[in-house]
Amino acid sequence: MNHDHRAKVAKQQDHEWAARVVRTIGQIEADFFHAAGPLSERMMTEGHLAIEKVVKDPWQIIENDWMTQVVCPDWKMARGVGTGDMWLQISEISADEEGNEHTWIAAATKTGPSFLCVELVFRRGLQEYAEAIIRDDKAVGALWQQGFARDEESLALFVPIHIPAEKLAQAFEQNDLTATVAPFGKAMAQAIAAKPALDTLLEQVRAAGKRK
């Protein structure tokens, strides 16, 4: 971006919005860091606890930062050590092409360009083959009835997680998030219940990988 282009972009800004932001910048920054830090951390921690309630043997939970992962012995790698050929994971899917940072709170409440979900993730060596199959509506059609959806940009398969903003606000106000984070557990339970269809998908992906 050259100087002239930067200047043009600057002039196109909403001047009233810019002035309001500057006048309240102290409160905006304090609120953002509070939302990105303590509030998001508590919500994600309690979301993890909600998931623990629905994950039963032989499924296992792995906590990787805030990306809670749920693995299944049937999906383990034939060779090597790792999370598996595929697994379920709490993820954030974003439509923000700029890659700007957003809070988990905004993602959970769908008040920004991203949202939370339980995503079906494949290991790197199978990702290419998985994407080719996921593009095929017939290959993944059985998953739609199980609550899964597909992001057309990233080709991610996922079960969405949504918590209304006011409901979450009231939960923080009452200092009790247990019922409010139930969508975390519900989404994971839906994904786990789809195991037969997910098994079939993995078989197709593994077969495609072996043919190459």
Protein backbone atom coordinates (compact mmCIF):
# COMPACT_ATOMS: atom_id res chain seq x y z
CA MET A 1 0.00 0.00 0.00
CA ASN A 2 1.66 3.25 -1.14
CA HIS A 3 1.39 6.67 0.45
CA ASP A 4 -1.38 7.91 -1.86
CA HIS A 5 -3.49 4.83 -1.24
CA ARG A 6 -3.03 5.12 2.54
CA ALA A 7 -4.09 8.74 2.40
CA LYS A 8 -7.18 7.87 0.38
CA VAL A 9 -8.18 5.14 2.84
CA ALA A 10 -7.69 7.53 5.77
CA LYS A 11 -10.02 10.11 4.23
CA GLN A 12 -12.71 7.47 3.73
CA GLN A 13 -12.96 6.77 7.46
CA ASP A 14 -16.18 7.46 9.34
CA HIS A 15 -15.10 10.65 11.10
CA GLU A 16 -17.84 10.60 13.74
CA TRP A 17 -16.99 6.99 14.61
CA ALA A 18 -13.29 7.85 14.78
CA ALA A 19 -13.98 10.75 17.15
CA ARG A 20 -16.17 8.60 19.40
CA VAL A 21 -13.50 5.91 19.59
CA VAL A 22 -10.78 8.38 20.49
CA ARG A 23 -12.91 10.02 23.20
CA THR A 24 -13.61 6.65 24.84
CA ILE A 25 -10.34 4.87 24.02
CA GLY A 26 -9.47 4.23 27.67
CA GLN A 27 -12.74 2.41 28.32
CA ILE A 28 -12.59 0.59 24.95
CA GLU A 29 -9.12 -0.82 25.64
CA ALA A 30 -9.98 -1.78 29.21
CA ASP A 31 -13.14 -3.53 28.03
CA PHE A 32 -11.35 -5.32 25.18
CA PHE A 33 -8.56 -6.72 27.34
CA HIS A 34 -11.10 -7.74 29.98
CA ALA A 35 -13.18 -9.54 27.31
CA ALA A 36 -10.15 -11.12 25.64
CA GLY A 37 -8.62 -12.15 28.96
CA PRO A 38 -10.61 -13.03 32.10
CA LEU A 39 -14.08 -13.20 30.53
CA SER A 40 -13.05 -15.36 27.57
CA GLU A 41 -10.87 -17.56 29.75
CA ARG A 42 -13.70 -18.25 32.16
CA MET A 43 -16.21 -18.97 29.41
CA MET A 44 -13.84 -21.36 27.61
CA THR A 45 -12.92 -23.10 30.86
CA GLU A 46 -16.56 -23.67 31.75
CA GLY A 47 -17.25 -24.70 28.15
CA HIS A 48 -14.56 -27.35 28.59
CA LEU A 49 -16.30 -28.59 31.74
CA ALA A 50 -19.58 -28.83 29.80
CA ILE A 51 -17.81 -30.98 27.21
CA GLU A 52 -16.35 -33.23 29.90
CA LYS A 53 -19.91 -34.15 30.91
CA VAL A 54 -20.76 -35.61 27.49
CA VAL A 55 -17.46 -37.28 26.57
CA LYS A 56 -17.57 -40.90 27.69
CA ASP A 57 -15.18 -43.81 27.26
CA PRO A 58 -13.72 -44.71 24.77
CA TRP A 59 -13.65 -41.05 23.72
CA GLN A 60 -10.91 -38.98 25.35
CA ILE A 61 -10.39 -35.25 25.93
CA ILE A 62 -7.14 -33.48 25.18
CA GLU A 63 -6.78 -29.83 26.18
CA ASN A 64 -4.54 -27.92 23.79
CA ASP A 65 -4.45 -24.28 24.96
CA TRP A 66 -8.12 -23.27 24.60
CA MET A 67 -8.71 -25.67 21.70
CA THR A 68 -10.30 -28.61 23.51
CA GLN A 69 -9.84 -31.73 21.40
CA VAL A 70 -11.81 -34.98 21.61
CA VAL A 71 -10.22 -38.09 20.15
CA CYS A 72 -11.47 -41.57 19.35
CA PRO A 73 -9.36 -44.77 19.38
CA ASP A 74 -10.94 -45.83 16.07
CA TRP A 75 -9.47 -42.75 14.44
CA LYS A 76 -5.88 -43.17 15.65
CA MET A 77 -3.04 -43.14 13.13
CA ALA A 78 -2.00 -46.51 11.73
CA ARG A 79 1.63 -45.45 12.05
CA GLY A 80 3.36 -42.90 14.21
CA VAL A 81 2.22 -41.02 17.26
CA GLY A 82 -0.21 -38.12 17.14
CA THR A 83 -3.71 -36.91 17.88
CA GLY A 84 -5.09 -39.26 15.23
CA ASP A 85 -6.10 -39.30 11.58
CA MET A 86 -8.96 -37.01 12.58
CA TRP A 87 -10.51 -35.63 15.75
CA LEU A 88 -13.14 -33.21 17.04
CA GLN A 89 -11.98 -29.80 18.20
CA ILE A 90 -13.37 -26.55 19.54
CA SER A 91 -12.47 -24.06 16.81
CA GLU A 92 -13.10 -20.54 15.67
CA ILE A 93 -14.10 -20.03 12.04
CA SER A 94 -13.65 -16.48 10.81
CA ALA A 95 -14.70 -14.53 7.75
CA ASP A 96 -12.24 -11.76 8.63
CA GLU A 97 -9.81 -11.75 5.72
CA GLU A 98 -7.59 -9.23 7.51
CA GLY A 99 -6.81 -11.73 10.25
CA ASN A 100 -7.71 -9.26 13.00
CA GLU A 101 -7.88 -10.48 16.57
CA HIS A 102 -11.31 -11.11 18.06
CA THR A 103 -12.37 -12.35 21.48
CA TRP A 104 -13.80 -15.77 22.29
CA ILE A 105 -16.76 -13.87 23.71
CA ALA A 106 -17.49 -12.24 20.35
CA ALA A 107 -17.12 -15.60 18.58
CA ALA A 108 -19.43 -17.42 21.01
CA THR A 109 -22.11 -14.74 20.74
CA LYS A 110 -21.66 -14.31 16.97
CA THR A 111 -21.30 -10.56 17.38
CA GLY A 112 -18.22 -10.35 15.14
CA PRO A 113 -16.99 -11.93 11.91
CA SER A 114 -16.21 -15.27 13.55
CA PHE A 115 -18.04 -18.03 15.41
CA LEU A 116 -17.26 -20.98 17.63
CA CYS A 117 -17.90 -24.58 16.67
CA VAL A 118 -16.98 -28.21 17.12
CA GLU A 119 -14.90 -28.83 14.02
CA LEU A 120 -13.90 -32.12 12.44
CA VAL A 121 -10.14 -31.85 11.92
CA PHE A 122 -7.88 -34.11 9.84
CA ARG A 123 -4.16 -34.53 10.33
CA ARG A 124 -2.00 -32.62 7.89
CA GLY A 125 -1.14 -35.64 5.71
CA LEU A 126 -4.83 -36.32 5.02
CA GLN A 127 -6.11 -32.74 4.78
CA GLU A 128 -5.79 -32.51 0.99
CA TYR A 129 -7.75 -35.72 0.44
CA ALA A 130 -10.33 -34.77 3.05
CA GLU A 131 -11.05 -31.43 1.37
CA ALA A 132 -11.61 -33.09 -1.99
CA ILE A 133 -14.19 -35.44 -0.48
CA ILE A 134 -15.82 -32.78 1.72
CA ARG A 135 -16.56 -30.79 -1.45
CA ASP A 136 -18.82 -33.67 -2.57
CA ASP A 137 -22.32 -33.10 -1.17
CA LYS A 138 -23.15 -36.79 -1.51
CA ALA A 139 -20.10 -37.83 0.49
CA VAL A 140 -21.03 -35.62 3.45
CA GLY A 141 -24.80 -35.51 3.05
CA ALA A 142 -25.45 -37.84 5.97
CA LEU A 143 -23.75 -35.35 8.29
CA TRP A 144 -26.25 -32.57 7.57
CA GLN A 145 -28.93 -34.57 9.41
CA GLN A 146 -26.56 -34.84 12.39
CA GLY A 147 -26.28 -31.07 12.80
CA PHE A 148 -23.08 -30.57 10.82
CA ALA A 149 -22.53 -27.72 8.38
CA ARG A 150 -19.76 -26.85 5.92
CA ASP A 151 -17.88 -23.60 5.61
CA GLU A 152 -17.65 -23.02 1.86
CA GLU A 153 -14.47 -20.95 2.16
CA SER A 154 -12.34 -23.19 4.37
CA LEU A 155 -14.26 -26.44 3.70
CA ALA A 156 -14.41 -27.03 7.45
CA LEU A 157 -17.08 -29.46 8.67
CA PHE A 158 -18.52 -28.32 11.98
CA VAL A 159 -21.37 -28.21 14.48
CA PRO A 160 -21.94 -24.55 15.45
CA ILE A 161 -21.86 -23.22 19.01
CA HIS A 162 -23.93 -20.13 19.75
CA ILE A 163 -24.67 -18.36 23.03
CA PRO A 164 -26.92 -15.26 22.83
CA ALA A 165 -25.03 -12.21 24.09
CA GLU A 166 -27.70 -11.16 26.59
CA LYS A 167 -27.90 -14.66 28.02
CA LEU A 168 -24.13 -14.72 28.54
CA ALA A 169 -24.21 -11.24 30.04
CA GLN A 170 -26.84 -12.33 32.57
CA ALA A 171 -24.78 -15.42 33.42
CA PHE A 172 -21.74 -13.27 34.23
CA GLU A 173 -23.99 -10.91 36.18
CA GLN A 174 -25.29 -13.85 38.25
CA ASN A 175 -21.78 -15.34 38.46
CA ASP A 176 -23.03 -18.71 37.18
CA LEU A 177 -22.20 -19.81 33.62
CA THR A 178 -23.05 -23.51 34.00
CA ALA A 179 -26.37 -23.51 32.12
CA THR A 180 -25.29 -20.84 29.66
CA VAL A 181 -22.27 -22.77 28.33
CA ALA A 182 -24.40 -25.87 27.73
CA PRO A 183 -24.17 -25.31 23.93
CA PHE A 184 -20.53 -26.43 24.14
CA GLY A 185 -21.59 -29.82 25.46
CA LYS A 186 -24.61 -30.04 23.18
CA ALA A 187 -22.54 -29.41 20.06
CA MET A 188 -19.92 -31.97 21.09
CA ALA A 189 -22.62 -34.53 21.90
CA GLN A 190 -24.12 -34.00 18.43
CA ALA A 191 -20.74 -34.51 16.80
CA ILE A 192 -20.04 -37.67 18.81
CA ALA A 193 -23.47 -39.07 17.94
CA ALA A 194 -22.54 -38.74 14.27
CA LYS A 195 -19.68 -41.24 14.64
CA PRO A 196 -21.06 -43.81 12.15
CA ALA A 197 -21.22 -41.17 9.40
CA LEU A 198 -17.83 -39.78 10.46
CA ASP A 199 -16.32 -43.28 10.35
CA THR A 200 -17.53 -43.67 6.77
CA LEU A 201 -16.04 -40.31 5.82
CA LEU A 202 -12.69 -41.23 7.36
CA GLU A 203 -12.65 -44.52 5.46
CA GLN A 204 -13.07 -42.60 2.22
CA VAL A 205 -10.33 -40.14 3.13
CA ARG A 206 -7.92 -42.88 4.15
CA ALA A 207 -8.63 -44.80 0.94
CA ALA A 208 -7.98 -41.67 -1.14
CA GLY A 209 -4.70 -41.15 0.68
CA LYS A 210 -3.56 -44.72 -0.02
CA ARG A 211 -4.25 -44.36 -3.75
CA LYS A 212 -1.76 -41.50 -4.04
